[in-house]
Amino acid sequence: MRIGINGFGRMGRLSFRAAWDWPEFDIVHINEIAGGPETAAHLLEFDTVHGRWDQDIQPESDAIWVDGKRVSFSTYPSPQDVVWKAPEVVFAVNSSLHSYLILAYSDADQVTLDVGFYYMANAAGRLVGTLLSGSMYLLAGLPGCVWTSAGLVLAAAGLTLFLPAKQEDRILTLHFQRSSEC
């Protein structure tokens, strides 16, 4: 399966490393808006938690070479702008969604507080998730963990229905309401 990765932050790089040795996966493209291929290649090789990745990694102007295999690289701000068909990507991993949601739903004046709250909530969520998955594994084994995860994914999807409209959408709606009253 040919894979593209959108967002080459920590999760994107760890996904890349994890999938690299699987013959079923062929990573062919990376889209990352920050730093370019040089920075991405360096961060892929050196991870502060997992250490140095023992692969030959070389940057190019529009690609990263890993052990002699070329992985194309783009810097589009939106995943919609990436031409995923050119490298014939079958599946695209989007590891930048949470960052988009933070900025999309943050007030410009409070973005620092909102990002800080996000990371605090993320840490608490990981702790609760670890405790919950351990408990479920002890109670019901692996099937219990999988069903619990599926339930939590559905609950999270349901909660997104209650997210407020972004500020621009609210302003546009208010403008149209006032226009129709005239």
N, C-alpha and C. Protein backbone atom coordinates (compact mmCIF):
# COMPACT_ATOMS: atom_id res chain seq x y z
N MET A 1 0.86 -1.17 0.00
CA MET A 1 0.00 0.00 0.00
C MET A 1 0.90 1.23 0.00
N ARG A 2 0.65 2.14 -0.92
CA ARG A 2 1.43 3.37 -1.02
C ARG A 2 0.82 4.41 -0.07
N ILE A 3 1.68 4.97 0.79
CA ILE A 3 1.21 5.85 1.86
C ILE A 3 1.84 7.23 1.73
N GLY A 4 1.03 8.26 1.99
CA GLY A 4 1.49 9.63 2.11
C GLY A 4 1.22 10.11 3.53
N ILE A 5 2.07 10.98 4.03
CA ILE A 5 1.91 11.50 5.40
C ILE A 5 1.75 13.01 5.33
N ASN A 6 0.64 13.50 5.86
CA ASN A 6 0.42 14.94 5.95
C ASN A 6 0.67 15.35 7.39
N GLY A 7 1.67 16.21 7.59
CA GLY A 7 2.05 16.63 8.93
C GLY A 7 3.18 15.75 9.42
N PHE A 8 4.38 16.29 9.43
CA PHE A 8 5.55 15.49 9.80
C PHE A 8 6.11 15.94 11.13
N GLY A 9 5.20 16.20 12.07
CA GLY A 9 5.60 16.47 13.44
C GLY A 9 5.93 15.15 14.12
N ARG A 10 5.86 15.14 15.41
CA ARG A 10 6.25 13.94 16.16
C ARG A 10 5.47 12.70 15.74
N MET A 11 4.15 12.82 15.63
CA MET A 11 3.34 11.65 15.26
C MET A 11 3.60 11.21 13.82
N GLY A 12 3.76 12.16 12.93
CA GLY A 12 4.06 11.82 11.54
C GLY A 12 5.39 11.09 11.41
N ARG A 13 6.40 11.59 12.12
CA ARG A 13 7.72 10.95 12.07
C ARG A 13 7.70 9.57 12.70
N LEU A 14 7.00 9.43 13.83
CA LEU A 14 6.92 8.11 14.47
C LEU A 14 6.13 7.13 13.61
N SER A 15 5.09 7.61 12.92
CA SER A 15 4.35 6.75 11.99
C SER A 15 5.27 6.29 10.86
N PHE A 16 6.08 7.22 10.36
CA PHE A 16 7.04 6.90 9.30
C PHE A 16 7.99 5.80 9.77
N ARG A 17 8.59 6.00 10.93
CA ARG A 17 9.54 5.02 11.47
C ARG A 17 8.88 3.66 11.67
N ALA A 18 7.66 3.66 12.24
CA ALA A 18 6.98 2.40 12.53
C ALA A 18 6.63 1.63 11.26
N ALA A 19 6.23 2.34 10.21
CA ALA A 19 5.80 1.68 8.97
C ALA A 19 6.95 1.33 8.04
N TRP A 20 8.12 1.91 8.27
CA TRP A 20 9.22 1.78 7.32
C TRP A 20 9.63 0.33 7.04
N ASP A 21 9.71 -0.49 8.05
CA ASP A 21 10.19 -1.87 7.88
C ASP A 21 9.09 -2.86 7.48
N TRP A 22 7.88 -2.41 7.35
CA TRP A 22 6.80 -3.31 6.95
C TRP A 22 6.76 -3.36 5.42
N PRO A 23 6.93 -4.52 4.84
CA PRO A 23 6.92 -4.61 3.37
C PRO A 23 5.56 -4.26 2.76
N GLU A 24 4.49 -4.34 3.55
CA GLU A 24 3.15 -4.01 3.03
C GLU A 24 2.98 -2.51 2.80
N PHE A 25 3.80 -1.69 3.46
CA PHE A 25 3.68 -0.25 3.37
C PHE A 25 4.82 0.34 2.56
N ASP A 26 4.47 1.24 1.67
CA ASP A 26 5.46 1.93 0.85
C ASP A 26 5.22 3.44 1.02
N ILE A 27 6.01 4.09 1.86
CA ILE A 27 5.83 5.52 2.10
C ILE A 27 6.43 6.27 0.92
N VAL A 28 5.59 7.05 0.23
CA VAL A 28 6.03 7.69 -1.01
C VAL A 28 5.99 9.21 -0.97
N HIS A 29 5.28 9.80 0.02
CA HIS A 29 5.18 11.26 0.03
C HIS A 29 4.98 11.79 1.45
N ILE A 30 5.56 12.98 1.70
CA ILE A 30 5.39 13.70 2.96
C ILE A 30 4.99 15.13 2.61
N ASN A 31 3.99 15.66 3.32
CA ASN A 31 3.63 17.06 3.21
C ASN A 31 3.77 17.69 4.59
N GLU A 32 4.64 18.69 4.71
CA GLU A 32 4.88 19.37 5.99
C GLU A 32 5.18 20.82 5.71
N ILE A 33 4.46 21.73 6.38
CA ILE A 33 4.61 23.16 6.07
C ILE A 33 5.81 23.80 6.76
N ALA A 34 6.32 23.19 7.82
CA ALA A 34 7.39 23.85 8.59
C ALA A 34 8.75 23.20 8.36
N GLY A 35 9.74 24.00 8.05
CA GLY A 35 11.12 23.54 8.06
C GLY A 35 11.70 23.00 6.78
N GLY A 36 10.92 22.38 5.94
CA GLY A 36 11.44 21.82 4.70
C GLY A 36 12.08 20.46 4.89
N PRO A 37 12.56 19.88 3.78
CA PRO A 37 13.13 18.52 3.83
C PRO A 37 14.36 18.39 4.72
N GLU A 38 15.18 19.43 4.80
CA GLU A 38 16.39 19.35 5.62
C GLU A 38 16.03 19.15 7.10
N THR A 39 15.11 19.96 7.58
CA THR A 39 14.68 19.85 8.98
C THR A 39 13.97 18.52 9.22
N ALA A 40 13.10 18.14 8.29
CA ALA A 40 12.36 16.89 8.44
C ALA A 40 13.31 15.70 8.49
N ALA A 41 14.33 15.70 7.62
CA ALA A 41 15.30 14.60 7.61
C ALA A 41 16.06 14.53 8.93
N HIS A 42 16.46 15.68 9.44
CA HIS A 42 17.19 15.71 10.71
C HIS A 42 16.33 15.19 11.86
N LEU A 43 15.08 15.68 11.93
CA LEU A 43 14.20 15.27 13.02
C LEU A 43 13.78 13.81 12.90
N LEU A 44 13.71 13.30 11.66
CA LEU A 44 13.41 11.89 11.47
C LEU A 44 14.54 11.02 12.01
N GLU A 45 15.76 11.46 11.80
CA GLU A 45 16.91 10.68 12.25
C GLU A 45 17.13 10.77 13.75
N PHE A 46 16.94 11.96 14.33
CA PHE A 46 17.22 12.17 15.75
C PHE A 46 15.94 12.47 16.51
N ASP A 47 15.52 11.55 17.37
CA ASP A 47 14.32 11.73 18.19
C ASP A 47 14.73 11.79 19.65
N THR A 48 14.22 12.78 20.38
CA THR A 48 14.65 12.97 21.77
C THR A 48 14.24 11.82 22.68
N VAL A 49 13.17 11.12 22.36
CA VAL A 49 12.72 10.01 23.20
C VAL A 49 13.24 8.68 22.67
N HIS A 50 13.09 8.43 21.39
CA HIS A 50 13.44 7.13 20.81
C HIS A 50 14.89 7.04 20.33
N GLY A 51 15.59 8.15 20.37
CA GLY A 51 16.99 8.15 19.99
C GLY A 51 17.20 8.22 18.48
N ARG A 52 18.44 7.95 18.10
CA ARG A 52 18.81 8.04 16.69
C ARG A 52 18.27 6.83 15.92
N TRP A 53 17.69 7.11 14.76
CA TRP A 53 17.17 6.04 13.90
C TRP A 53 18.31 5.59 13.00
N ASP A 54 18.61 4.33 13.02
CA ASP A 54 19.77 3.81 12.31
C ASP A 54 19.43 3.55 10.83
N GLN A 55 19.18 4.63 10.11
CA GLN A 55 18.92 4.58 8.67
C GLN A 55 19.76 5.68 8.02
N ASP A 56 20.13 5.50 6.77
CA ASP A 56 20.84 6.54 6.04
C ASP A 56 19.79 7.52 5.50
N ILE A 57 19.77 8.74 6.04
CA ILE A 57 18.75 9.73 5.68
C ILE A 57 19.43 10.95 5.09
N GLN A 58 19.02 11.33 3.88
CA GLN A 58 19.60 12.47 3.18
C GLN A 58 18.49 13.37 2.64
N PRO A 59 18.55 14.68 2.90
CA PRO A 59 17.55 15.59 2.34
C PRO A 59 17.92 16.00 0.91
N GLU A 60 16.90 16.37 0.17
CA GLU A 60 17.04 16.92 -1.18
C GLU A 60 16.09 18.11 -1.23
N SER A 61 16.09 18.88 -2.27
CA SER A 61 15.25 20.07 -2.32
C SER A 61 13.75 19.74 -2.27
N ASP A 62 13.35 18.61 -2.82
CA ASP A 62 11.93 18.25 -2.83
C ASP A 62 11.70 16.80 -2.41
N ALA A 63 12.60 16.26 -1.60
CA ALA A 63 12.47 14.86 -1.18
C ALA A 63 13.38 14.57 0.01
N ILE A 64 13.15 13.41 0.57
CA ILE A 64 14.03 12.84 1.58
C ILE A 64 14.39 11.45 1.08
N TRP A 65 15.67 11.12 1.13
CA TRP A 65 16.13 9.78 0.78
C TRP A 65 16.37 9.00 2.06
N VAL A 66 15.76 7.83 2.16
CA VAL A 66 15.95 6.96 3.31
C VAL A 66 16.42 5.61 2.79
N ASP A 67 17.64 5.25 3.16
CA ASP A 67 18.25 4.00 2.71
C ASP A 67 18.14 3.81 1.20
N GLY A 68 18.40 4.87 0.44
CA GLY A 68 18.40 4.79 -1.01
C GLY A 68 17.03 4.87 -1.65
N LYS A 69 15.96 5.05 -0.86
CA LYS A 69 14.62 5.18 -1.42
C LYS A 69 14.17 6.63 -1.32
N ARG A 70 13.69 7.18 -2.43
CA ARG A 70 13.25 8.56 -2.48
C ARG A 70 11.80 8.68 -2.01
N VAL A 71 11.58 9.61 -1.07
CA VAL A 71 10.24 9.93 -0.59
C VAL A 71 10.01 11.40 -0.92
N SER A 72 9.07 11.69 -1.84
CA SER A 72 8.85 13.07 -2.26
C SER A 72 8.34 13.91 -1.08
N PHE A 73 8.55 15.24 -1.17
CA PHE A 73 8.26 16.14 -0.07
C PHE A 73 7.61 17.41 -0.61
N SER A 74 6.53 17.86 0.03
CA SER A 74 5.90 19.12 -0.35
C SER A 74 5.61 19.94 0.90
N THR A 75 5.31 21.22 0.70
CA THR A 75 5.09 22.13 1.83
C THR A 75 3.77 22.89 1.70
N TYR A 76 2.74 22.22 1.24
CA TYR A 76 1.43 22.87 1.08
C TYR A 76 0.77 23.09 2.44
N PRO A 77 0.19 24.29 2.66
CA PRO A 77 -0.45 24.55 3.95
C PRO A 77 -1.72 23.73 4.17
N SER A 78 -2.36 23.31 3.10
CA SER A 78 -3.60 22.53 3.22
C SER A 78 -3.41 21.18 2.55
N PRO A 79 -3.84 20.11 3.20
CA PRO A 79 -3.71 18.79 2.57
C PRO A 79 -4.51 18.69 1.28
N GLN A 80 -5.50 19.54 1.12
CA GLN A 80 -6.30 19.54 -0.11
C GLN A 80 -5.48 19.98 -1.32
N ASP A 81 -4.42 20.76 -1.08
CA ASP A 81 -3.59 21.26 -2.18
C ASP A 81 -2.55 20.25 -2.66
N VAL A 82 -2.30 19.22 -1.85
CA VAL A 82 -1.31 18.21 -2.22
C VAL A 82 -1.85 17.37 -3.36
N VAL A 83 -1.04 17.13 -4.35
CA VAL A 83 -1.43 16.26 -5.46
C VAL A 83 -1.09 14.83 -5.06
N TRP A 84 -2.00 14.20 -4.32
CA TRP A 84 -1.76 12.86 -3.79
C TRP A 84 -1.70 11.83 -4.91
N LYS A 85 -2.31 12.12 -6.05
CA LYS A 85 -2.32 11.15 -7.14
C LYS A 85 -0.97 11.05 -7.84
N ALA A 86 -0.17 12.12 -7.82
CA ALA A 86 1.12 12.09 -8.52
C ALA A 86 2.02 10.98 -7.99
N PRO A 87 2.19 10.87 -6.66
CA PRO A 87 2.98 9.74 -6.18
C PRO A 87 2.14 8.47 -6.01
N GLU A 88 0.90 8.51 -6.54
CA GLU A 88 -0.03 7.37 -6.48
C GLU A 88 -0.27 6.89 -5.05
N VAL A 89 -0.58 7.84 -4.17
CA VAL A 89 -0.86 7.51 -2.78
C VAL A 89 -2.22 6.83 -2.68
N VAL A 90 -2.24 5.69 -2.00
CA VAL A 90 -3.48 4.96 -1.78
C VAL A 90 -4.12 5.39 -0.46
N PHE A 91 -3.27 5.68 0.54
CA PHE A 91 -3.76 6.03 1.87
C PHE A 91 -2.91 7.17 2.42
N ALA A 92 -3.56 8.23 2.89
CA ALA A 92 -2.84 9.37 3.45
C ALA A 92 -3.08 9.44 4.95
N VAL A 93 -1.99 9.49 5.71
CA VAL A 93 -2.06 9.62 7.16
C VAL A 93 -2.04 11.10 7.49
N ASN A 94 -3.09 11.59 8.14
CA ASN A 94 -3.12 13.01 8.51
C ASN A 94 -2.78 13.13 9.98
N SER A 95 -1.56 13.53 10.25
CA SER A 95 -1.13 13.66 11.64
C SER A 95 -1.09 15.11 12.09
N SER A 96 -1.80 15.98 11.39
CA SER A 96 -1.79 17.40 11.76
C SER A 96 -3.18 17.91 12.14
N LEU A 97 -4.18 17.05 12.21
CA LEU A 97 -5.55 17.48 12.46
C LEU A 97 -5.71 18.17 13.80
N HIS A 98 -5.09 17.62 14.86
CA HIS A 98 -5.28 18.23 16.18
C HIS A 98 -4.73 19.64 16.22
N SER A 99 -3.62 19.90 15.54
CA SER A 99 -3.07 21.26 15.52
C SER A 99 -4.02 22.21 14.80
N TYR A 100 -4.61 21.74 13.71
CA TYR A 100 -5.57 22.57 12.98
C TYR A 100 -6.77 22.91 13.87
N LEU A 101 -7.29 21.92 14.58
CA LEU A 101 -8.45 22.16 15.43
C LEU A 101 -8.15 23.15 16.55
N ILE A 102 -6.96 23.06 17.12
CA ILE A 102 -6.59 24.01 18.18
C ILE A 102 -6.65 25.43 17.64
N LEU A 103 -6.01 25.66 16.51
CA LEU A 103 -5.94 27.02 15.97
C LEU A 103 -7.28 27.47 15.39
N ALA A 104 -8.04 26.55 14.81
CA ALA A 104 -9.32 26.92 14.22
C ALA A 104 -10.33 27.35 15.27
N TYR A 105 -10.28 26.78 16.47
CA TYR A 105 -11.25 27.08 17.50
C TYR A 105 -10.69 27.96 18.62
N SER A 106 -9.54 28.55 18.40
CA SER A 106 -8.95 29.43 19.41
C SER A 106 -9.19 30.89 19.05
N ASP A 107 -9.42 31.69 20.07
CA ASP A 107 -9.46 33.13 19.85
C ASP A 107 -8.03 33.61 19.68
N ALA A 108 -7.82 34.53 18.75
CA ALA A 108 -6.45 35.00 18.47
C ALA A 108 -5.78 35.56 19.72
N ASP A 109 -6.55 36.22 20.58
CA ASP A 109 -5.98 36.81 21.78
C ASP A 109 -5.63 35.77 22.84
N GLN A 110 -6.26 34.60 22.77
CA GLN A 110 -6.06 33.59 23.81
C GLN A 110 -5.42 32.31 23.27
N VAL A 111 -4.81 32.36 22.09
CA VAL A 111 -4.29 31.14 21.49
C VAL A 111 -3.26 30.46 22.38
N THR A 112 -2.43 31.22 23.08
CA THR A 112 -1.42 30.62 23.95
C THR A 112 -2.09 29.86 25.09
N LEU A 113 -3.12 30.45 25.69
CA LEU A 113 -3.83 29.76 26.76
C LEU A 113 -4.53 28.51 26.24
N ASP A 114 -5.13 28.61 25.05
CA ASP A 114 -5.85 27.48 24.48
C ASP A 114 -4.89 26.34 24.14
N VAL A 115 -3.73 26.65 23.58
CA VAL A 115 -2.75 25.62 23.27
C VAL A 115 -2.23 24.99 24.56
N GLY A 116 -1.95 25.80 25.57
CA GLY A 116 -1.51 25.26 26.86
C GLY A 116 -2.56 24.34 27.47
N PHE A 117 -3.82 24.75 27.41
CA PHE A 117 -4.91 23.91 27.92
C PHE A 117 -4.98 22.61 27.13
N TYR A 118 -4.81 22.70 25.81
CA TYR A 118 -4.86 21.50 24.97
C TYR A 118 -3.81 20.49 25.41
N TYR A 119 -2.56 20.95 25.59
CA TYR A 119 -1.50 20.02 25.94
C TYR A 119 -1.70 19.46 27.35
N MET A 120 -2.26 20.26 28.27
CA MET A 120 -2.55 19.76 29.60
C MET A 120 -3.65 18.69 29.51
N ALA A 121 -4.70 18.98 28.74
CA ALA A 121 -5.79 18.02 28.58
C ALA A 121 -5.31 16.77 27.85
N ASN A 122 -4.40 16.95 26.89
CA ASN A 122 -3.86 15.81 26.16
C ASN A 122 -3.09 14.88 27.11
N ALA A 123 -2.28 15.46 27.99
CA ALA A 123 -1.53 14.65 28.96
C ALA A 123 -2.48 13.92 29.89
N ALA A 124 -3.52 14.60 30.36
CA ALA A 124 -4.49 13.96 31.24
C ALA A 124 -5.23 12.85 30.50
N GLY A 125 -5.56 13.10 29.24
CA GLY A 125 -6.24 12.10 28.43
C GLY A 125 -5.39 10.86 28.21
N ARG A 126 -4.10 11.06 28.01
CA ARG A 126 -3.20 9.91 27.84
C ARG A 126 -3.12 9.09 29.13
N LEU A 127 -3.08 9.77 30.27
CA LEU A 127 -3.04 9.07 31.54
C LEU A 127 -4.32 8.26 31.74
N VAL A 128 -5.47 8.89 31.52
CA VAL A 128 -6.75 8.19 31.67
C VAL A 128 -6.83 7.03 30.67
N GLY A 129 -6.39 7.27 29.43
CA GLY A 129 -6.41 6.22 28.41
C GLY A 129 -5.55 5.04 28.79
N THR A 130 -4.38 5.31 29.35
CA THR A 130 -3.48 4.22 29.77
C THR A 130 -4.12 3.41 30.89
N LEU A 131 -4.69 4.10 31.87
CA LEU A 131 -5.34 3.41 32.98
C LEU A 131 -6.56 2.62 32.49
N LEU A 132 -7.36 3.22 31.61
CA LEU A 132 -8.55 2.55 31.09
C LEU A 132 -8.18 1.33 30.25
N SER A 133 -7.19 1.49 29.36
CA SER A 133 -6.82 0.34 28.52
C SER A 133 -6.23 -0.79 29.36
N GLY A 134 -5.43 -0.45 30.37
CA GLY A 134 -4.89 -1.49 31.25
C GLY A 134 -5.99 -2.22 32.01
N SER A 135 -6.96 -1.45 32.51
CA SER A 135 -8.08 -2.05 33.24
C SER A 135 -8.92 -2.94 32.32
N MET A 136 -9.20 -2.45 31.12
CA MET A 136 -10.00 -3.24 30.18
C MET A 136 -9.27 -4.52 29.77
N TYR A 137 -7.95 -4.42 29.62
CA TYR A 137 -7.19 -5.61 29.25
C TYR A 137 -7.26 -6.66 30.37
N LEU A 138 -7.16 -6.21 31.61
CA LEU A 138 -7.26 -7.15 32.73
C LEU A 138 -8.65 -7.75 32.85
N LEU A 139 -9.68 -6.94 32.56
CA LEU A 139 -11.06 -7.41 32.70
C LEU A 139 -11.53 -8.26 31.52
N ALA A 140 -11.19 -7.83 30.29
CA ALA A 140 -11.79 -8.47 29.11
C ALA A 140 -10.78 -8.85 28.03
N GLY A 141 -9.50 -8.67 28.28
CA GLY A 141 -8.49 -9.04 27.28
C GLY A 141 -8.47 -8.07 26.11
N LEU A 142 -7.81 -8.48 25.06
CA LEU A 142 -7.65 -7.64 23.88
C LEU A 142 -8.99 -7.28 23.22
N PRO A 143 -9.95 -8.21 23.10
CA PRO A 143 -11.24 -7.82 22.51
C PRO A 143 -11.93 -6.70 23.30
N GLY A 144 -11.81 -6.74 24.62
CA GLY A 144 -12.40 -5.68 25.44
C GLY A 144 -11.75 -4.34 25.16
N CYS A 145 -10.42 -4.33 24.96
CA CYS A 145 -9.71 -3.09 24.63
C CYS A 145 -10.17 -2.55 23.28
N VAL A 146 -10.31 -3.44 22.30
CA VAL A 146 -10.71 -3.01 20.96
C VAL A 146 -12.13 -2.45 20.99
N TRP A 147 -13.05 -3.11 21.68
CA TRP A 147 -14.43 -2.62 21.73
C TRP A 147 -14.53 -1.30 22.51
N THR A 148 -13.75 -1.18 23.56
CA THR A 148 -13.73 0.08 24.31
C THR A 148 -13.20 1.20 23.44
N SER A 149 -12.12 0.93 22.69
CA SER A 149 -11.56 1.94 21.79
C SER A 149 -12.58 2.34 20.73
N ALA A 150 -13.27 1.36 20.16
CA ALA A 150 -14.28 1.67 19.14
C ALA A 150 -15.39 2.55 19.74
N GLY A 151 -15.81 2.23 20.95
CA GLY A 151 -16.83 3.04 21.61
C GLY A 151 -16.38 4.46 21.86
N LEU A 152 -15.13 4.62 22.28
CA LEU A 152 -14.60 5.96 22.54
C LEU A 152 -14.43 6.76 21.25
N VAL A 153 -14.05 6.10 20.16
CA VAL A 153 -13.95 6.80 18.86
C VAL A 153 -15.33 7.28 18.43
N LEU A 154 -16.34 6.43 18.57
CA LEU A 154 -17.71 6.85 18.22
C LEU A 154 -18.19 7.99 19.12
N ALA A 155 -17.86 7.92 20.41
CA ALA A 155 -18.25 9.01 21.32
C ALA A 155 -17.57 10.31 20.92
N ALA A 156 -16.28 10.24 20.58
CA ALA A 156 -15.56 11.45 20.15
C ALA A 156 -16.15 12.01 18.87
N ALA A 157 -16.50 11.13 17.93
CA ALA A 157 -17.12 11.59 16.68
C ALA A 157 -18.46 12.26 16.97
N GLY A 158 -19.22 11.70 17.89
CA GLY A 158 -20.49 12.31 18.26
C GLY A 158 -20.32 13.67 18.91
N LEU A 159 -19.30 13.80 19.75
CA LEU A 159 -19.05 15.08 20.42
C LEU A 159 -18.66 16.18 19.43
N THR A 160 -18.04 15.81 18.32
CA THR A 160 -17.67 16.84 17.34
C THR A 160 -18.90 17.52 16.74
N LEU A 161 -20.04 16.87 16.79
CA LEU A 161 -21.26 17.48 16.28
C LEU A 161 -21.67 18.70 17.11
N PHE A 162 -21.17 18.78 18.33
CA PHE A 162 -21.52 19.88 19.23
C PHE A 162 -20.47 20.99 19.25
N LEU A 163 -19.41 20.86 18.43
CA LEU A 163 -18.41 21.93 18.36
C LEU A 163 -19.06 23.19 17.80
N PRO A 164 -18.75 24.33 18.35
CA PRO A 164 -19.32 25.57 17.83
C PRO A 164 -18.75 25.89 16.45
N ALA A 165 -19.51 26.67 15.71
CA ALA A 165 -19.02 27.13 14.41
C ALA A 165 -17.81 28.02 14.64
N LYS A 166 -16.91 28.03 13.67
CA LYS A 166 -15.75 28.91 13.79
C LYS A 166 -16.22 30.36 13.74
N GLN A 167 -15.43 31.27 14.29
CA GLN A 167 -15.79 32.69 14.38
C GLN A 167 -16.17 33.26 13.02
N GLU A 168 -15.42 32.95 11.96
CA GLU A 168 -15.72 33.49 10.63
C GLU A 168 -17.11 33.06 10.17
N ASP A 169 -17.47 31.78 10.47
CA ASP A 169 -18.78 31.28 10.09
C ASP A 169 -19.89 32.03 10.83
N ARG A 170 -19.65 32.34 12.13
CA ARG A 170 -20.66 33.06 12.91
C ARG A 170 -20.84 34.48 12.36
N ILE A 171 -19.75 35.14 12.00
CA ILE A 171 -19.83 36.50 11.46
C ILE A 171 -20.57 36.49 10.14
N LEU A 172 -20.26 35.52 9.28
CA LEU A 172 -20.92 35.42 7.98
C LEU A 172 -22.41 35.16 8.15
N THR A 173 -22.77 34.27 9.08
CA THR A 173 -24.18 33.98 9.33
C THR A 173 -24.90 35.23 9.83
N LEU A 174 -24.28 35.96 10.76
CA LEU A 174 -24.86 37.19 11.28
C LEU A 174 -25.05 38.21 10.17
N HIS A 175 -24.09 38.32 9.26
CA HIS A 175 -24.18 39.26 8.15
C HIS A 175 -25.37 38.92 7.24
N PHE A 176 -25.55 37.63 6.93
CA PHE A 176 -26.64 37.21 6.07
C PHE A 176 -27.99 37.40 6.76
N GLN A 177 -28.04 37.20 8.08
CA GLN A 177 -29.30 37.42 8.80
C GLN A 177 -29.68 38.89 8.74
N ARG A 178 -28.73 39.79 8.93
CA ARG A 178 -29.01 41.22 8.89
C ARG A 178 -29.41 41.64 7.48
N SER A 179 -28.76 41.05 6.46
CA SER A 179 -29.07 41.40 5.07
C SER A 179 -30.49 40.98 4.72
N SER A 180 -30.93 39.84 5.22
CA SER A 180 -32.26 39.35 4.89
C SER A 180 -33.34 40.14 5.62
N GLU A 181 -33.01 40.79 6.73
CA GLU A 181 -33.99 41.58 7.48
C GLU A 181 -34.28 42.90 6.79
N CYS A 182 -33.37 43.37 5.97
CA CYS A 182 -33.52 44.67 5.32
C CYS A 182 -34.51 44.63 4.19
